[in-house]
Amino acid sequence: MRLTEFHDLVREEFGQVRGDSLLVDHVILALGGKTAVDAIEDGIDPRIVWRALCDEFEVPPERR
């Protein structure tokens, strides 16, 4: 997954303001307690980060 696609999915699912905030403020336990931004900067594939966000926020499978 490209980073631009990741950002598009986040904003589509959570909205511009909330999505941007989640990326820098929300700690994802499944990713070792990192924020989405930190996880991606550490080399974790954006698709894995997207799926972890979806799991934490119970995004329905048809929107993942």
C-alpha atoms as a PDB file:
ATOM      1  CA  MET A   1       0.000   0.000   0.000  1.00  0.00           C
ATOM      2  CA  ARG A   2       1.284   3.428  -0.893  1.00  0.00           C
ATOM      3  CA  LEU A   3       1.440   6.053   1.793  1.00  0.00           C
ATOM      4  CA  THR A   4      -0.951   8.312  -0.121  1.00  0.00           C
ATOM      5  CA  GLU A   5      -3.518   5.506  -0.260  1.00  0.00           C
ATOM      6  CA  PHE A   6      -3.101   4.971   3.485  1.00  0.00           C
ATOM      7  CA  HIS A   7      -3.784   8.636   4.203  1.00  0.00           C
ATOM      8  CA  ASP A   8      -6.788   8.631   1.870  1.00  0.00           C
ATOM      9  CA  LEU A   9      -8.283   5.623   3.672  1.00  0.00           C
ATOM     10  CA  VAL A  10      -7.724   7.172   7.100  1.00  0.00           C
ATOM     11  CA  ARG A  11      -9.369  10.442   6.101  1.00  0.00           C
ATOM     12  CA  GLU A  12     -12.232   8.666   4.355  1.00  0.00           C
ATOM     13  CA  GLU A  13     -12.980   6.490   7.375  1.00  0.00           C
ATOM     14  CA  PHE A  14     -12.330   8.925  10.221  1.00  0.00           C
ATOM     15  CA  GLY A  15     -12.625  12.360   8.629  1.00  0.00           C
ATOM     16  CA  GLN A  16      -9.909  14.921   8.011  1.00  0.00           C
ATOM     17  CA  VAL A  17      -9.472  16.327  11.507  1.00  0.00           C
ATOM     18  CA  ARG A  18     -10.013  13.138  13.512  1.00  0.00           C
ATOM     19  CA  GLY A  19      -7.955  11.075  11.072  1.00  0.00           C
ATOM     20  CA  ASP A  20      -5.007  13.461  11.231  1.00  0.00           C
ATOM     21  CA  SER A  21      -5.212  13.456  15.021  1.00  0.00           C
ATOM     22  CA  LEU A  22      -5.368   9.643  15.240  1.00  0.00           C
ATOM     23  CA  LEU A  23      -2.202   9.316  13.206  1.00  0.00           C
ATOM     24  CA  VAL A  24      -0.121  11.315  15.677  1.00  0.00           C
ATOM     25  CA  ASP A  25      -1.954  10.906  18.997  1.00  0.00           C
ATOM     26  CA  HIS A  26      -3.422   7.396  19.192  1.00  0.00           C
ATOM     27  CA  VAL A  27      -1.117   4.674  20.494  1.00  0.00           C
ATOM     28  CA  ILE A  28      -1.695   1.340  18.740  1.00  0.00           C
ATOM     29  CA  LEU A  29      -0.999  -1.506  21.142  1.00  0.00           C
ATOM     30  CA  ALA A  30      -0.722  -4.089  18.361  1.00  0.00           C
ATOM     31  CA  LEU A  31       2.186  -2.096  16.931  1.00  0.00           C
ATOM     32  CA  GLY A  32       4.180  -2.056  20.134  1.00  0.00           C
ATOM     33  CA  GLY A  33       2.630   1.062  21.598  1.00  0.00           C
ATOM     34  CA  LYS A  34       3.514   3.280  18.649  1.00  0.00           C
ATOM     35  CA  THR A  35       1.422   5.881  16.921  1.00  0.00           C
ATOM     36  CA  ALA A  36       0.633   5.301  13.254  1.00  0.00           C
ATOM     37  CA  VAL A  37       3.148   7.956  12.235  1.00  0.00           C
ATOM     38  CA  ASP A  38       5.873   6.428  14.419  1.00  0.00           C
ATOM     39  CA  ALA A  39       5.142   2.925  13.127  1.00  0.00           C
ATOM     40  CA  ILE A  40       5.400   4.018   9.491  1.00  0.00           C
ATOM     41  CA  GLU A  41       8.576   6.000  10.199  1.00  0.00           C
ATOM     42  CA  ASP A  42      10.010   2.847  11.808  1.00  0.00           C
ATOM     43  CA  GLY A  43       9.403   0.945   8.564  1.00  0.00           C
ATOM     44  CA  ILE A  44       6.124  -0.836   9.261  1.00  0.00           C
ATOM     45  CA  ASP A  45       4.109  -1.216   6.072  1.00  0.00           C
ATOM     46  CA  PRO A  46       1.201   1.256   5.921  1.00  0.00           C
ATOM     47  CA  ARG A  47      -1.160  -1.656   5.142  1.00  0.00           C
ATOM     48  CA  ILE A  48      -0.273  -3.252   8.500  1.00  0.00           C
ATOM     49  CA  VAL A  49      -0.791   0.083  10.246  1.00  0.00           C
ATOM     50  CA  TRP A  50      -4.151   0.532   8.486  1.00  0.00           C
ATOM     51  CA  ARG A  51      -5.312  -2.927   9.561  1.00  0.00           C
ATOM     52  CA  ALA A  52      -4.224  -2.271  13.151  1.00  0.00           C
ATOM     53  CA  LEU A  53      -6.195   0.989  13.181  1.00  0.00           C
ATOM     54  CA  CYS A  54      -9.211  -0.822  11.761  1.00  0.00           C
ATOM     55  CA  ASP A  55      -8.969  -3.477  14.466  1.00  0.00           C
ATOM     56  CA  GLU A  56      -8.703  -0.931  17.270  1.00  0.00           C
ATOM     57  CA  PHE A  57     -11.632   1.128  16.017  1.00  0.00           C
ATOM     58  CA  GLU A  58     -13.732  -1.836  14.881  1.00  0.00           C
ATOM     59  CA  VAL A  59     -13.988  -0.724  11.280  1.00  0.00           C
ATOM     60  CA  PRO A  60     -16.288  -3.173   9.456  1.00  0.00           C
ATOM     61  CA  PRO A  61     -14.472  -5.603   7.137  1.00  0.00           C
ATOM     62  CA  GLU A  62     -16.127  -4.198   4.007  1.00  0.00           C
ATOM     63  CA  ARG A  63     -14.431  -0.824   4.650  1.00  0.00           C
ATOM     64  CA  ARG A  64     -10.922  -2.159   5.306  1.00  0.00           C
END
